[in-house]
Structures are given as structure tokens and as C-alpha cells.
PDB file of N, CA and C in Angstrom:
ATOM      1  N   UNK A   1      92.751 -17.175 -24.028  1.00  0.00           N
ATOM      2  CA  UNK A   1      92.262 -15.921 -24.558  1.00  0.00           C
ATOM      3  C   UNK A   1      90.725 -15.900 -24.573  1.00  0.00           C
ATOM      4  N   UNK A   2      90.123 -16.949 -25.084  1.00  0.00           N
ATOM      5  CA  UNK A   2      88.663 -17.022 -25.124  1.00  0.00           C
ATOM      6  C   UNK A   2      88.091 -17.057 -23.713  1.00  0.00           C
ATOM      7  N   UNK A   3      88.746 -17.807 -22.840  1.00  0.00           N
ATOM      8  CA  UNK A   3      88.299 -17.892 -21.451  1.00  0.00           C
ATOM      9  C   UNK A   3      88.329 -16.521 -20.783  1.00  0.00           C
ATOM     10  N   UNK A   4      89.365 -15.750 -21.040  1.00  0.00           N
ATOM     11  CA  UNK A   4      89.473 -14.398 -20.470  1.00  0.00           C
ATOM     12  C   UNK A   4      88.381 -13.493 -21.019  1.00  0.00           C
ATOM     13  N   UNK A   5      88.144 -13.598 -22.320  1.00  0.00           N
ATOM     14  CA  UNK A   5      87.114 -12.787 -22.953  1.00  0.00           C
ATOM     15  C   UNK A   5      85.746 -13.108 -22.361  1.00  0.00           C
ATOM     16  N   UNK A   6      85.441 -14.407 -22.225  1.00  0.00           N
ATOM     17  CA  UNK A   6      84.153 -14.811 -21.670  1.00  0.00           C
ATOM     18  C   UNK A   6      83.997 -14.389 -20.219  1.00  0.00           C
ATOM     19  N   UNK A   7      85.089 -14.433 -19.477  1.00  0.00           N
ATOM     20  CA  UNK A   7      85.036 -14.010 -18.078  1.00  0.00           C
ATOM     21  C   UNK A   7      84.640 -12.543 -17.982  1.00  0.00           C
ATOM     22  N   UNK A   8      85.136 -11.742 -18.893  1.00  0.00           N
ATOM     23  CA  UNK A   8      84.837 -10.304 -18.889  1.00  0.00           C
ATOM     24  C   UNK A   8      83.438 -10.044 -19.431  1.00  0.00           C
ATOM     25  N   UNK A   9      83.070 -10.771 -20.471  1.00  0.00           N
ATOM     26  CA  UNK A   9      81.819 -10.489 -21.162  1.00  0.00           C
ATOM     27  C   UNK A   9      80.730 -11.525 -20.888  1.00  0.00           C
ATOM     28  N   UNK A  10      80.900 -12.316 -19.858  1.00  0.00           N
ATOM     29  CA  UNK A  10      79.960 -13.398 -19.548  1.00  0.00           C
ATOM     30  C   UNK A  10      78.526 -12.891 -19.391  1.00  0.00           C
ATOM     31  N   UNK A  11      78.351 -11.855 -18.598  1.00  0.00           N
ATOM     32  CA  UNK A  11      77.010 -11.323 -18.361  1.00  0.00           C
ATOM     33  C   UNK A  11      76.401 -10.779 -19.649  1.00  0.00           C
ATOM     34  N   UNK A  12      77.221 -10.168 -20.465  1.00  0.00           N
ATOM     35  CA  UNK A  12      76.763  -9.633 -21.732  1.00  0.00           C
ATOM     36  C   UNK A  12      76.271 -10.753 -22.646  1.00  0.00           C
ATOM     37  N   UNK A  13      77.030 -11.815 -22.736  1.00  0.00           N
ATOM     38  CA  UNK A  13      76.680 -12.954 -23.580  1.00  0.00           C
ATOM     39  C   UNK A  13      75.388 -13.596 -23.081  1.00  0.00           C
ATOM     40  N   UNK A  14      75.290 -13.770 -21.784  1.00  0.00           N
ATOM     41  CA  UNK A  14      74.078 -14.369 -21.213  1.00  0.00           C
ATOM     42  C   UNK A  14      72.874 -13.472 -21.485  1.00  0.00           C
ATOM     43  N   UNK A  15      73.031 -12.170 -21.345  1.00  0.00           N
ATOM     44  CA  UNK A  15      71.932 -11.237 -21.600  1.00  0.00           C
ATOM     45  C   UNK A  15      71.472 -11.309 -23.056  1.00  0.00           C
ATOM     46  N   UNK A  16      72.427 -11.368 -23.973  1.00  0.00           N
ATOM     47  CA  UNK A  16      72.086 -11.460 -25.388  1.00  0.00           C
ATOM     48  C   UNK A  16      71.364 -12.772 -25.677  1.00  0.00           C
ATOM     49  N   UNK A  17      71.859 -13.856 -25.114  1.00  0.00           N
ATOM     50  CA  UNK A  17      71.231 -15.158 -25.334  1.00  0.00           C
ATOM     51  C   UNK A  17      69.808 -15.185 -24.779  1.00  0.00           C
ATOM     52  N   UNK A  18      69.618 -14.602 -23.596  1.00  0.00           N
ATOM     53  CA  UNK A  18      68.277 -14.570 -22.997  1.00  0.00           C
ATOM     54  C   UNK A  18      67.330 -13.709 -23.827  1.00  0.00           C
ATOM     55  N   UNK A  19      67.833 -12.597 -24.349  1.00  0.00           N
ATOM     56  CA  UNK A  19      66.994 -11.732 -25.180  1.00  0.00           C
ATOM     57  C   UNK A  19      66.559 -12.477 -26.438  1.00  0.00           C
ATOM     58  N   UNK A  20      67.481 -13.207 -27.055  1.00  0.00           N
ATOM     59  CA  UNK A  20      67.137 -13.984 -28.246  1.00  0.00           C
ATOM     60  C   UNK A  20      66.136 -15.083 -27.915  1.00  0.00           C
ATOM     61  N   UNK A  21      66.315 -15.729 -26.783  1.00  0.00           N
ATOM     62  CA  UNK A  21      65.392 -16.772 -26.346  1.00  0.00           C
ATOM     63  C   UNK A  21      64.003 -16.181 -26.107  1.00  0.00           C
ATOM     64  N   UNK A  22      63.945 -15.044 -25.415  1.00  0.00           N
ATOM     65  CA  UNK A  22      62.661 -14.395 -25.144  1.00  0.00           C
ATOM     66  C   UNK A  22      61.969 -13.976 -26.437  1.00  0.00           C
ATOM     67  N   UNK A  23      62.756 -13.481 -27.386  1.00  0.00           N
ATOM     68  CA  UNK A  23      62.198 -13.067 -28.663  1.00  0.00           C
ATOM     69  C   UNK A  23      61.611 -14.272 -29.396  1.00  0.00           C
ATOM     70  N   UNK A  24      62.323 -15.368 -29.400  1.00  0.00           N
ATOM     71  CA  UNK A  24      61.842 -16.590 -30.060  1.00  0.00           C
ATOM     72  C   UNK A  24      60.552 -17.080 -29.410  1.00  0.00           C
ATOM     73  N   UNK A  25      60.494 -17.055 -28.082  1.00  0.00           N
ATOM     74  CA  UNK A  25      59.285 -17.487 -27.367  1.00  0.00           C
ATOM     75  C   UNK A  25      58.113 -16.566 -27.670  1.00  0.00           C
ATOM     76  N   UNK A  26      58.370 -15.255 -27.769  1.00  0.00           N
ATOM     77  CA  UNK A  26      57.305 -14.303 -28.072  1.00  0.00           C
ATOM     78  C   UNK A  26      56.729 -14.563 -29.463  1.00  0.00           C
ATOM     79  N   UNK A  27      57.592 -14.817 -30.424  1.00  0.00           N
ATOM     80  CA  UNK A  27      57.138 -15.104 -31.786  1.00  0.00           C
ATOM     81  C   UNK A  27      56.337 -16.398 -31.803  1.00  0.00           C
ATOM     82  N   UNK A  28      56.812 -17.404 -31.079  1.00  0.00           N
ATOM     83  CA  UNK A  28      56.110 -18.686 -30.995  1.00  0.00           C
ATOM     84  C   UNK A  28      54.724 -18.505 -30.377  1.00  0.00           C
ATOM     85  N   UNK A  29      54.636 -17.736 -29.297  1.00  0.00           N
ATOM     86  CA  UNK A  29      53.359 -17.497 -28.615  1.00  0.00           C
ATOM     87  C   UNK A  29      52.393 -16.739 -29.530  1.00  0.00           C
ATOM     88  N   UNK A  30      52.909 -15.753 -30.254  1.00  0.00           N
ATOM     89  CA  UNK A  30      52.068 -14.980 -31.164  1.00  0.00           C
ATOM     90  C   UNK A  30      51.476 -15.893 -32.234  1.00  0.00           C
ATOM     91  N   UNK A  31      52.287 -16.789 -32.779  1.00  0.00           N
ATOM     92  CA  UNK A  31      51.811 -17.731 -33.791  1.00  0.00           C
ATOM     93  C   UNK A  31      50.741 -18.649 -33.239  1.00  0.00           C
ATOM     94  N   UNK A  32      50.938 -19.118 -32.009  1.00  0.00           N
ATOM     95  CA  UNK A  32      49.960 -19.992 -31.363  1.00  0.00           C
ATOM     96  C   UNK A  32      48.637 -19.254 -31.170  1.00  0.00           C
ATOM     97  N   UNK A  33      48.717 -18.000 -30.720  1.00  0.00           N
ATOM     98  CA  UNK A  33      47.501 -17.223 -30.489  1.00  0.00           C
ATOM     99  C   UNK A  33      46.755 -16.967 -31.789  1.00  0.00           C
ATOM    100  N   UNK A  34      47.473 -16.685 -32.868  1.00  0.00           N
ATOM    101  CA  UNK A  34      46.833 -16.456 -34.156  1.00  0.00           C
ATOM    102  C   UNK A  34      46.143 -17.734 -34.644  1.00  0.00           C
ATOM    103  N   UNK A  35      46.786 -18.877 -34.430  1.00  0.00           N
ATOM    104  CA  UNK A  35      46.210 -20.154 -34.841  1.00  0.00           C
ATOM    105  C   UNK A  35      44.920 -20.413 -34.061  1.00  0.00           C
ATOM    106  N   UNK A  36      44.939 -20.138 -32.759  1.00  0.00           N
ATOM    107  CA  UNK A  36      43.749 -20.335 -31.923  1.00  0.00           C
ATOM    108  C   UNK A  36      42.624 -19.412 -32.379  1.00  0.00           C
ATOM    109  N   UNK A  37      42.979 -18.178 -32.728  1.00  0.00           N
ATOM    110  CA  UNK A  37      42.003 -17.214 -33.214  1.00  0.00           C
ATOM    111  C   UNK A  37      41.324 -17.743 -34.479  1.00  0.00           C
ATOM    112  N   UNK A  38      42.120 -18.285 -35.373  1.00  0.00           N
ATOM    113  CA  UNK A  38      41.593 -18.844 -36.617  1.00  0.00           C
ATOM    114  C   UNK A  38      40.665 -20.019 -36.366  1.00  0.00           C
ATOM    115  N   UNK A  39      41.019 -20.846 -35.391  1.00  0.00           N
ATOM    116  CA  UNK A  39      40.160 -21.989 -35.056  1.00  0.00           C
ATOM    117  C   UNK A  39      38.818 -21.516 -34.520  1.00  0.00           C
ATOM    118  N   UNK A  40      38.844 -20.496 -33.656  1.00  0.00           N
ATOM    119  CA  UNK A  40      37.600 -19.972 -33.093  1.00  0.00           C
ATOM    120  C   UNK A  40      36.710 -19.419 -34.189  1.00  0.00           C
ATOM    121  N   UNK A  41      37.303 -18.699 -35.136  1.00  0.00           N
ATOM    122  CA  UNK A  41      36.520 -18.161 -36.251  1.00  0.00           C
ATOM    123  C   UNK A  41      35.916 -19.293 -37.075  1.00  0.00           C
ATOM    124  N   UNK A  42      36.703 -20.321 -37.324  1.00  0.00           N
ATOM    125  CA  UNK A  42      36.209 -21.468 -38.081  1.00  0.00           C
ATOM    126  C   UNK A  42      35.098 -22.193 -37.351  1.00  0.00           C
ATOM    127  N   UNK A  43      35.258 -22.357 -36.042  1.00  0.00           N
ATOM    128  CA  UNK A  43      34.218 -23.007 -35.238  1.00  0.00           C
ATOM    129  C   UNK A  43      32.918 -22.207 -35.280  1.00  0.00           C
ATOM    130  N   UNK A  44      33.031 -20.890 -35.193  1.00  0.00           N
ATOM    131  CA  UNK A  44      31.844 -20.039 -35.221  1.00  0.00           C
ATOM    132  C   UNK A  44      31.138 -20.134 -36.578  1.00  0.00           C
ATOM    133  N   UNK A  45      31.910 -20.111 -37.655  1.00  0.00           N
ATOM    134  CA  UNK A  45      31.305 -20.226 -38.992  1.00  0.00           C
ATOM    135  C   UNK A  45      30.596 -21.566 -39.166  1.00  0.00           C
ATOM    136  N   UNK A  46      31.203 -22.636 -38.663  1.00  0.00           N
ATOM    137  CA  UNK A  46      30.560 -23.957 -38.754  1.00  0.00           C
ATOM    138  C   UNK A  46      29.276 -23.994 -37.937  1.00  0.00           C
ATOM    139  N   UNK A  47      29.292 -23.372 -36.754  1.00  0.00           N
ATOM    140  CA  UNK A  47      28.091 -23.344 -35.912  1.00  0.00           C
ATOM    141  C   UNK A  47      26.976 -22.568 -36.608  1.00  0.00           C
ATOM    142  N   UNK A  48      27.324 -21.470 -37.229  1.00  0.00           N
ATOM    143  CA  UNK A  48      26.322 -20.664 -37.938  1.00  0.00           C
ATOM    144  C   UNK A  48      25.722 -21.457 -39.106  1.00  0.00           C
ATOM    145  N   UNK A  49      26.559 -22.151 -39.831  1.00  0.00           N
ATOM    146  CA  UNK A  49      26.094 -22.950 -40.966  1.00  0.00           C
ATOM    147  C   UNK A  49      25.201 -24.096 -40.487  1.00  0.00           C
ATOM    148  N   UNK A  50      25.612 -24.743 -39.406  1.00  0.00           N
ATOM    149  CA  UNK A  50      24.822 -25.840 -38.839  1.00  0.00           C
ATOM    150  C   UNK A  50      23.474 -25.328 -38.352  1.00  0.00           C
ATOM    151  N   UNK A  51      23.477 -24.180 -37.683  1.00  0.00           N
ATOM    152  CA  UNK A  51      22.216 -23.601 -37.197  1.00  0.00           C
ATOM    153  C   UNK A  51      21.276 -23.326 -38.357  1.00  0.00           C
ATOM    154  N   UNK A  52      21.802 -22.774 -39.416  1.00  0.00           N
ATOM    155  CA  UNK A  52      20.980 -22.476 -40.592  1.00  0.00           C
ATOM    156  C   UNK A  52      20.392 -23.747 -41.188  1.00  0.00           C
ATOM    157  N   UNK A  53      21.205 -24.776 -41.321  1.00  0.00           N
ATOM    158  CA  UNK A  53      20.728 -26.045 -41.883  1.00  0.00           C
ATOM    159  C   UNK A  53      19.664 -26.684 -40.987  1.00  0.00           C
ATOM    160  N   UNK A  54      19.904 -26.649 -39.665  1.00  0.00           N
ATOM    161  CA  UNK A  54      18.944 -27.243 -38.736  1.00  0.00           C
ATOM    162  C   UNK A  54      17.618 -26.481 -38.774  1.00  0.00           C
ATOM    163  N   UNK A  55      17.707 -25.154 -38.840  1.00  0.00           N
ATOM    164  CA  UNK A  55      16.494 -24.328 -38.881  1.00  0.00           C
ATOM    165  C   UNK A  55      15.704 -24.614 -40.157  1.00  0.00           C
ATOM    166  N   UNK A  56      16.397 -24.703 -41.276  1.00  0.00           N
ATOM    167  CA  UNK A  56      15.733 -25.001 -42.550  1.00  0.00           C
ATOM    168  C   UNK A  56      15.108 -26.395 -42.545  1.00  0.00           C
ATOM    169  N   UNK A  57      15.689 -27.295 -41.742  1.00  0.00           N
ATOM    170  CA  UNK A  57      15.147 -28.658 -41.634  1.00  0.00           C
ATOM    171  C   UNK A  57      13.970 -28.718 -40.665  1.00  0.00           C
ATOM    172  N   UNK A  58      13.635 -27.575 -40.052  1.00  0.00           N
ATOM    173  CA  UNK A  58      12.471 -27.521 -39.190  1.00  0.00           C
ATOM    174  C   UNK A  58      12.738 -27.719 -37.702  1.00  0.00           C
ATOM    175  N   UNK A  59      13.994 -27.739 -37.320  1.00  0.00           N
ATOM    176  CA  UNK A  59      14.310 -27.895 -35.893  1.00  0.00           C
ATOM    177  C   UNK A  59      13.971 -26.605 -35.147  1.00  0.00           C
ATOM    178  N   UNK A  60      13.431 -26.729 -33.930  1.00  0.00           N
ATOM    179  CA  UNK A  60      13.112 -25.537 -33.145  1.00  0.00           C
ATOM    180  C   UNK A  60      14.379 -24.823 -32.657  1.00  0.00           C
ATOM    181  N   UNK A  61      14.262 -23.524 -32.512  1.00  0.00           N
ATOM    182  CA  UNK A  61      15.397 -22.690 -32.084  1.00  0.00           C
ATOM    183  C   UNK A  61      15.981 -23.179 -30.765  1.00  0.00           C
ATOM    184  N   UNK A  62      15.123 -23.533 -29.811  1.00  0.00           N
ATOM    185  CA  UNK A  62      15.623 -23.990 -28.501  1.00  0.00           C
ATOM    186  C   UNK A  62      16.492 -25.241 -28.633  1.00  0.00           C
ATOM    187  N   UNK A  63      16.070 -26.156 -29.498  1.00  0.00           N
ATOM    188  CA  UNK A  63      16.843 -27.383 -29.691  1.00  0.00           C
ATOM    189  C   UNK A  63      18.188 -27.075 -30.357  1.00  0.00           C
ATOM    190  N   UNK A  64      18.179 -26.190 -31.330  1.00  0.00           N
ATOM    191  CA  UNK A  64      19.418 -25.793 -32.003  1.00  0.00           C
ATOM    192  C   UNK A  64      20.369 -25.140 -31.004  1.00  0.00           C
ATOM    193  N   UNK A  65      19.818 -24.283 -30.155  1.00  0.00           N
ATOM    194  CA  UNK A  65      20.622 -23.578 -29.153  1.00  0.00           C
ATOM    195  C   UNK A  65      21.291 -24.557 -28.189  1.00  0.00           C
ATOM    196  N   UNK A  66      20.543 -25.555 -27.743  1.00  0.00           N
ATOM    197  CA  UNK A  66      21.102 -26.559 -26.834  1.00  0.00           C
ATOM    198  C   UNK A  66      22.178 -27.371 -27.551  1.00  0.00           C
ATOM    199  N   UNK A  67      21.888 -27.780 -28.766  1.00  0.00           N
ATOM    200  CA  UNK A  67      22.811 -28.603 -29.534  1.00  0.00           C
ATOM    201  C   UNK A  67      24.133 -27.875 -29.798  1.00  0.00           C
ATOM    202  N   UNK A  68      24.044 -26.590 -30.174  1.00  0.00           N
ATOM    203  CA  UNK A  68      25.252 -25.830 -30.522  1.00  0.00           C
ATOM    204  C   UNK A  68      25.864 -25.077 -29.342  1.00  0.00           C
ATOM    205  N   UNK A  69      25.163 -25.093 -28.210  1.00  0.00           N
ATOM    206  CA  UNK A  69      25.625 -24.431 -26.989  1.00  0.00           C
ATOM    207  C   UNK A  69      25.798 -22.918 -27.169  1.00  0.00           C
ATOM    208  N   UNK A  70      24.776 -22.303 -27.761  1.00  0.00           N
ATOM    209  CA  UNK A  70      24.702 -20.853 -27.916  1.00  0.00           C
ATOM    210  C   UNK A  70      23.338 -20.409 -27.434  1.00  0.00           C
ATOM    211  N   UNK A  71      23.211 -19.166 -26.992  1.00  0.00           N
ATOM    212  CA  UNK A  71      21.892 -18.679 -26.557  1.00  0.00           C
ATOM    213  C   UNK A  71      20.901 -18.646 -27.730  1.00  0.00           C
ATOM    214  N   UNK A  72      19.626 -18.878 -27.444  1.00  0.00           N
ATOM    215  CA  UNK A  72      18.608 -18.844 -28.507  1.00  0.00           C
ATOM    216  C   UNK A  72      18.609 -17.528 -29.289  1.00  0.00           C
ATOM    217  N   UNK A  73      18.888 -16.428 -28.601  1.00  0.00           N
ATOM    218  CA  UNK A  73      18.911 -15.111 -29.267  1.00  0.00           C
ATOM    219  C   UNK A  73      19.995 -15.076 -30.351  1.00  0.00           C
ATOM    220  N   UNK A  74      21.110 -15.700 -30.067  1.00  0.00           N
ATOM    221  CA  UNK A  74      22.208 -15.751 -31.039  1.00  0.00           C
ATOM    222  C   UNK A  74      21.788 -16.578 -32.245  1.00  0.00           C
ATOM    223  N   UNK A  75      21.172 -17.715 -31.981  1.00  0.00           N
ATOM    224  CA  UNK A  75      20.712 -18.584 -33.077  1.00  0.00           C
ATOM    225  C   UNK A  75      19.699 -17.829 -33.927  1.00  0.00           C
ATOM    226  N   UNK A  76      18.780 -17.119 -33.286  1.00  0.00           N
ATOM    227  CA  UNK A  76      17.776 -16.333 -34.020  1.00  0.00           C
ATOM    228  C   UNK A  76      18.438 -15.293 -34.925  1.00  0.00           C
ATOM    229  N   UNK A  77      19.486 -14.649 -34.424  1.00  0.00           N
ATOM    230  CA  UNK A  77      20.155 -13.648 -35.253  1.00  0.00           C
ATOM    231  C   UNK A  77      20.863 -14.303 -36.444  1.00  0.00           C
ATOM    232  N   UNK A  78      21.360 -15.505 -36.249  1.00  0.00           N
ATOM    233  CA  UNK A  78      22.046 -16.221 -37.337  1.00  0.00           C
ATOM    234  C   UNK A  78      21.069 -16.636 -38.440  1.00  0.00           C
ATOM    235  N   UNK A  79      19.878 -17.043 -38.045  1.00  0.00           N
ATOM    236  CA  UNK A  79      18.915 -17.541 -39.044  1.00  0.00           C
ATOM    237  C   UNK A  79      18.022 -16.429 -39.565  1.00  0.00           C
ATOM    238  N   UNK A  80      18.269 -15.199 -39.121  1.00  0.00           N
ATOM    239  CA  UNK A  80      17.541 -14.048 -39.652  1.00  0.00           C
ATOM    240  C   UNK A  80      16.147 -13.865 -39.125  1.00  0.00           C
ATOM    241  N   UNK A  81      15.863 -14.293 -37.907  1.00  0.00           N
ATOM    242  CA  UNK A  81      14.513 -14.190 -37.353  1.00  0.00           C
ATOM    243  C   UNK A  81      14.421 -13.112 -36.259  1.00  0.00           C
ATOM    244  N   UNK A  82      15.415 -12.245 -36.172  1.00  0.00           N
ATOM    245  CA  UNK A  82      15.361 -11.175 -35.157  1.00  0.00           C
ATOM    246  C   UNK A  82      15.128  -9.868 -35.838  1.00  0.00           C
TER     247      UNK A  82
END
């Protein structure tokens, strides 16, 4: 009986299973992307804080820019000199 049912509804069952699998993967990918977004924001905040500390310690803007790998104009905007 089950074998007959599956023979008739095999494609339907496979389609449902694939849809559930795709949905699970989409949710997983969304979570990964949100986590990466959060890391980027955290990295940017740390870079801004480091730039401010280095500037207050007397380091030149060009050196800070090289160290943090950001353009000097960006560093200047972070330390309030633009």
C-alpha cells in the first residue's frame, strides 16, 4: 500500500522535500550574511577607535592610513579634521 502510494506521489514528495531543503538553506545563508555584516560593522568601529587613539598619540594621518588600510581622507573624517 505504501509502495503504491509513493509510486503515485513520488514526484510530489520529492518536490516537497526539495522545497524544505531550499528553505532551510536560504535561512542558513541569511544568518551567515547577517553575521558577516555584524563583523564588518565591528571591524569598522575598531578601526575608527584605533585611528582616534593613534591620532591622539601624535601619529601622522598617512601612517594611520597605511596601518589601518583606509584612505587618508577617511581617517581625517574619523578624527574630525575634515
